[in-house]
């Protein structure tokens, strides 16, 4: 029998949890970060020293990303 773990995510989540919550793929997240998302709104770099750099780990604002997903245009039929 498998254990089931229920997680109530924070506003800011890791990429791994963002993938589990939204179903987005890592490549989609990377492209959105480069082309559509704003640093500080959908994502931010973090570091233990409180001096993040461009290559530091990212955390993602799941609520802002949910709004971005909801605002996507539907493909033409």
N, C-alpha and C. Protein backbone atom coordinates (compact mmCIF):
# COMPACT_ATOMS: atom_id res chain seq x y z
N UNK A 1 0.84 -1.17 0.00
CA UNK A 1 0.00 0.00 0.00
C UNK A 1 0.89 1.24 0.00
N UNK A 2 0.61 2.18 -0.92
CA UNK A 2 1.39 3.41 -1.02
C UNK A 2 0.88 4.45 -0.05
N UNK A 3 1.80 5.25 0.45
CA UNK A 3 1.42 6.38 1.28
C UNK A 3 1.05 7.55 0.39
N UNK A 4 0.04 8.29 0.75
CA UNK A 4 -0.37 9.47 0.03
C UNK A 4 -0.03 10.67 0.90
N UNK A 5 0.69 11.61 0.31
CA UNK A 5 1.06 12.82 1.03
C UNK A 5 0.31 13.99 0.39
N UNK A 6 -0.42 14.71 1.19
CA UNK A 6 -1.14 15.88 0.70
C UNK A 6 -0.35 17.12 1.09
N UNK A 7 -0.07 17.95 0.08
CA UNK A 7 0.73 19.16 0.31
C UNK A 7 -0.14 20.37 0.03
N UNK A 8 -0.09 21.34 0.93
CA UNK A 8 -0.73 22.62 0.71
C UNK A 8 0.41 23.60 0.41
N UNK A 9 0.58 23.95 -0.87
CA UNK A 9 1.75 24.74 -1.24
C UNK A 9 1.67 26.20 -0.78
N UNK A 10 2.84 26.77 -0.55
CA UNK A 10 2.96 28.20 -0.28
C UNK A 10 2.71 28.97 -1.56
N UNK A 11 2.74 30.29 -1.45
CA UNK A 11 2.63 31.14 -2.63
C UNK A 11 3.82 30.90 -3.56
N UNK A 12 5.03 30.79 -3.01
CA UNK A 12 6.25 30.57 -3.77
C UNK A 12 6.67 29.11 -3.65
N UNK A 13 6.87 28.45 -4.79
CA UNK A 13 7.19 27.03 -4.81
C UNK A 13 8.41 26.76 -5.68
N UNK A 14 9.02 25.61 -5.49
CA UNK A 14 10.14 25.18 -6.33
C UNK A 14 9.64 24.77 -7.71
N UNK A 15 10.55 24.64 -8.65
CA UNK A 15 10.17 24.20 -9.99
C UNK A 15 9.55 22.80 -9.95
N UNK A 16 10.11 21.93 -9.14
CA UNK A 16 9.60 20.56 -9.05
C UNK A 16 8.13 20.56 -8.60
N UNK A 17 7.81 21.37 -7.60
CA UNK A 17 6.43 21.42 -7.13
C UNK A 17 5.53 22.14 -8.14
N UNK A 18 6.06 23.18 -8.80
CA UNK A 18 5.29 23.87 -9.84
C UNK A 18 4.89 22.89 -10.95
N UNK A 19 5.82 22.03 -11.34
CA UNK A 19 5.53 21.02 -12.36
C UNK A 19 4.42 20.09 -11.88
N UNK A 20 4.50 19.65 -10.63
CA UNK A 20 3.48 18.74 -10.09
C UNK A 20 2.12 19.43 -9.99
N UNK A 21 2.11 20.71 -9.65
CA UNK A 21 0.84 21.43 -9.47
C UNK A 21 0.17 21.81 -10.79
N UNK A 22 0.98 22.20 -11.78
CA UNK A 22 0.42 22.75 -13.01
C UNK A 22 0.48 21.80 -14.20
N UNK A 23 1.41 20.87 -14.17
CA UNK A 23 1.61 20.00 -15.33
C UNK A 23 2.52 20.63 -16.38
N UNK A 24 3.02 21.85 -16.11
CA UNK A 24 3.95 22.48 -17.05
C UNK A 24 5.22 21.65 -17.14
N UNK A 25 5.84 21.65 -18.29
CA UNK A 25 7.09 20.93 -18.50
C UNK A 25 8.26 21.87 -18.22
N UNK A 26 9.42 21.33 -17.84
CA UNK A 26 10.58 22.18 -17.56
C UNK A 26 10.94 23.13 -18.70
N UNK A 27 10.85 22.66 -19.93
CA UNK A 27 11.15 23.52 -21.08
C UNK A 27 10.16 24.66 -21.23
N UNK A 28 8.90 24.40 -20.95
CA UNK A 28 7.87 25.44 -21.01
C UNK A 28 8.13 26.49 -19.93
N UNK A 29 8.50 26.04 -18.75
CA UNK A 29 8.81 26.96 -17.66
C UNK A 29 10.00 27.84 -18.03
N UNK A 30 11.03 27.24 -18.59
CA UNK A 30 12.22 28.01 -18.96
C UNK A 30 11.89 29.05 -20.04
N UNK A 31 11.13 28.65 -21.07
CA UNK A 31 10.77 29.59 -22.13
C UNK A 31 9.88 30.70 -21.61
N UNK A 32 8.92 30.37 -20.75
CA UNK A 32 8.04 31.39 -20.17
C UNK A 32 8.84 32.37 -19.31
N UNK A 33 9.80 31.84 -18.57
CA UNK A 33 10.65 32.70 -17.74
C UNK A 33 11.44 33.68 -18.61
N UNK A 34 11.89 33.24 -19.77
CA UNK A 34 12.68 34.09 -20.65
C UNK A 34 11.83 35.05 -21.49
N UNK A 35 10.61 34.65 -21.84
CA UNK A 35 9.83 35.42 -22.81
C UNK A 35 8.55 36.07 -22.27
N UNK A 36 7.97 35.53 -21.19
CA UNK A 36 6.65 36.02 -20.78
C UNK A 36 6.56 36.45 -19.32
N UNK A 37 7.27 35.80 -18.45
CA UNK A 37 7.14 36.08 -17.02
C UNK A 37 8.06 37.20 -16.59
N UNK A 38 7.65 37.91 -15.55
CA UNK A 38 8.46 38.97 -14.98
C UNK A 38 9.10 38.52 -13.68
N UNK A 39 10.39 38.83 -13.53
CA UNK A 39 11.06 38.52 -12.28
C UNK A 39 10.42 39.35 -11.17
N UNK A 40 10.10 38.70 -10.09
CA UNK A 40 9.44 39.36 -8.96
C UNK A 40 7.94 39.15 -8.98
N UNK A 41 7.37 38.85 -10.14
CA UNK A 41 5.93 38.57 -10.23
C UNK A 41 5.69 37.07 -10.36
N UNK A 42 6.15 36.43 -11.45
CA UNK A 42 5.96 34.99 -11.62
C UNK A 42 7.12 34.17 -11.05
N UNK A 43 8.30 34.75 -10.99
CA UNK A 43 9.44 34.01 -10.47
C UNK A 43 10.43 34.96 -9.82
N UNK A 44 11.33 34.40 -9.02
CA UNK A 44 12.44 35.16 -8.46
C UNK A 44 13.59 34.23 -8.19
N UNK A 45 14.79 34.76 -8.29
CA UNK A 45 16.00 34.01 -7.95
C UNK A 45 16.20 34.13 -6.44
N UNK A 46 16.68 33.04 -5.84
CA UNK A 46 16.92 33.05 -4.40
C UNK A 46 18.32 32.49 -4.11
N UNK A 47 18.86 32.88 -2.96
CA UNK A 47 20.12 32.30 -2.51
C UNK A 47 20.19 32.37 -0.99
N UNK A 48 20.88 31.44 -0.36
CA UNK A 48 20.99 31.43 1.10
C UNK A 48 21.70 32.67 1.64
N UNK A 49 22.55 33.28 0.81
CA UNK A 49 23.29 34.47 1.23
C UNK A 49 22.49 35.75 1.05
N UNK A 50 21.27 35.64 0.53
CA UNK A 50 20.39 36.77 0.26
C UNK A 50 20.97 37.71 -0.81
N UNK A 51 21.81 37.14 -1.68
CA UNK A 51 22.37 37.88 -2.81
C UNK A 51 22.25 37.01 -4.06
N UNK A 52 21.01 36.81 -4.55
CA UNK A 52 20.83 35.93 -5.70
C UNK A 52 21.47 36.50 -6.97
N UNK A 53 21.87 35.58 -7.83
CA UNK A 53 22.44 35.93 -9.13
C UNK A 53 21.53 35.37 -10.21
N UNK A 54 21.82 35.69 -11.46
CA UNK A 54 20.99 35.22 -12.57
C UNK A 54 20.95 33.70 -12.69
N UNK A 55 21.95 33.00 -12.15
CA UNK A 55 21.97 31.54 -12.24
C UNK A 55 21.59 30.87 -10.91
N UNK A 56 21.07 31.65 -9.95
CA UNK A 56 20.61 31.08 -8.68
C UNK A 56 19.31 30.32 -8.89
N UNK A 57 18.98 29.46 -7.93
CA UNK A 57 17.73 28.71 -7.98
C UNK A 57 16.55 29.66 -8.08
N UNK A 58 15.52 29.24 -8.80
CA UNK A 58 14.30 30.04 -8.94
C UNK A 58 13.19 29.48 -8.06
N UNK A 59 12.38 30.38 -7.56
CA UNK A 59 11.12 30.03 -6.91
C UNK A 59 10.03 30.66 -7.77
N UNK A 60 8.85 30.03 -7.75
CA UNK A 60 7.77 30.43 -8.66
C UNK A 60 6.51 30.77 -7.88
N UNK A 61 5.86 31.86 -8.28
CA UNK A 61 4.61 32.31 -7.68
C UNK A 61 3.48 31.56 -8.36
N UNK A 62 3.00 30.54 -7.71
CA UNK A 62 2.01 29.66 -8.35
C UNK A 62 0.71 30.39 -8.65
N UNK A 63 0.32 31.37 -7.84
CA UNK A 63 -0.93 32.10 -8.09
C UNK A 63 -0.81 32.98 -9.33
N UNK A 64 0.33 33.66 -9.49
CA UNK A 64 0.55 34.48 -10.68
C UNK A 64 0.63 33.60 -11.93
N UNK A 65 1.24 32.44 -11.80
CA UNK A 65 1.35 31.53 -12.94
C UNK A 65 -0.02 30.93 -13.28
N UNK A 66 -0.84 30.63 -12.29
CA UNK A 66 -2.21 30.18 -12.56
C UNK A 66 -2.98 31.24 -13.35
N UNK A 67 -2.81 32.52 -12.99
CA UNK A 67 -3.48 33.61 -13.71
C UNK A 67 -2.95 33.70 -15.14
N UNK A 68 -1.64 33.51 -15.32
CA UNK A 68 -1.04 33.53 -16.65
C UNK A 68 -1.62 32.40 -17.50
N UNK A 69 -1.74 31.20 -16.92
CA UNK A 69 -2.31 30.06 -17.64
C UNK A 69 -3.77 30.35 -18.02
N UNK A 70 -4.54 30.89 -17.07
CA UNK A 70 -5.96 31.20 -17.34
C UNK A 70 -6.11 32.24 -18.44
N UNK A 71 -5.14 33.12 -18.59
CA UNK A 71 -5.22 34.17 -19.59
C UNK A 71 -4.74 33.77 -20.97
N UNK A 72 -4.30 32.52 -21.14
CA UNK A 72 -3.82 32.05 -22.44
C UNK A 72 -4.96 32.08 -23.45
N UNK A 73 -4.62 32.49 -24.67
CA UNK A 73 -5.59 32.49 -25.76
C UNK A 73 -5.88 31.06 -26.19
N UNK A 74 -7.10 30.82 -26.61
CA UNK A 74 -7.47 29.51 -27.12
C UNK A 74 -7.06 29.43 -28.59
N UNK A 75 -6.55 28.28 -29.03
CA UNK A 75 -6.19 28.16 -30.45
C UNK A 75 -7.42 28.28 -31.34
N UNK A 76 -7.21 28.80 -32.53
CA UNK A 76 -8.31 28.92 -33.50
C UNK A 76 -8.79 27.55 -33.93
N UNK A 77 -10.07 27.41 -34.07
CA UNK A 77 -10.65 26.11 -34.47
C UNK A 77 -10.61 25.92 -35.95
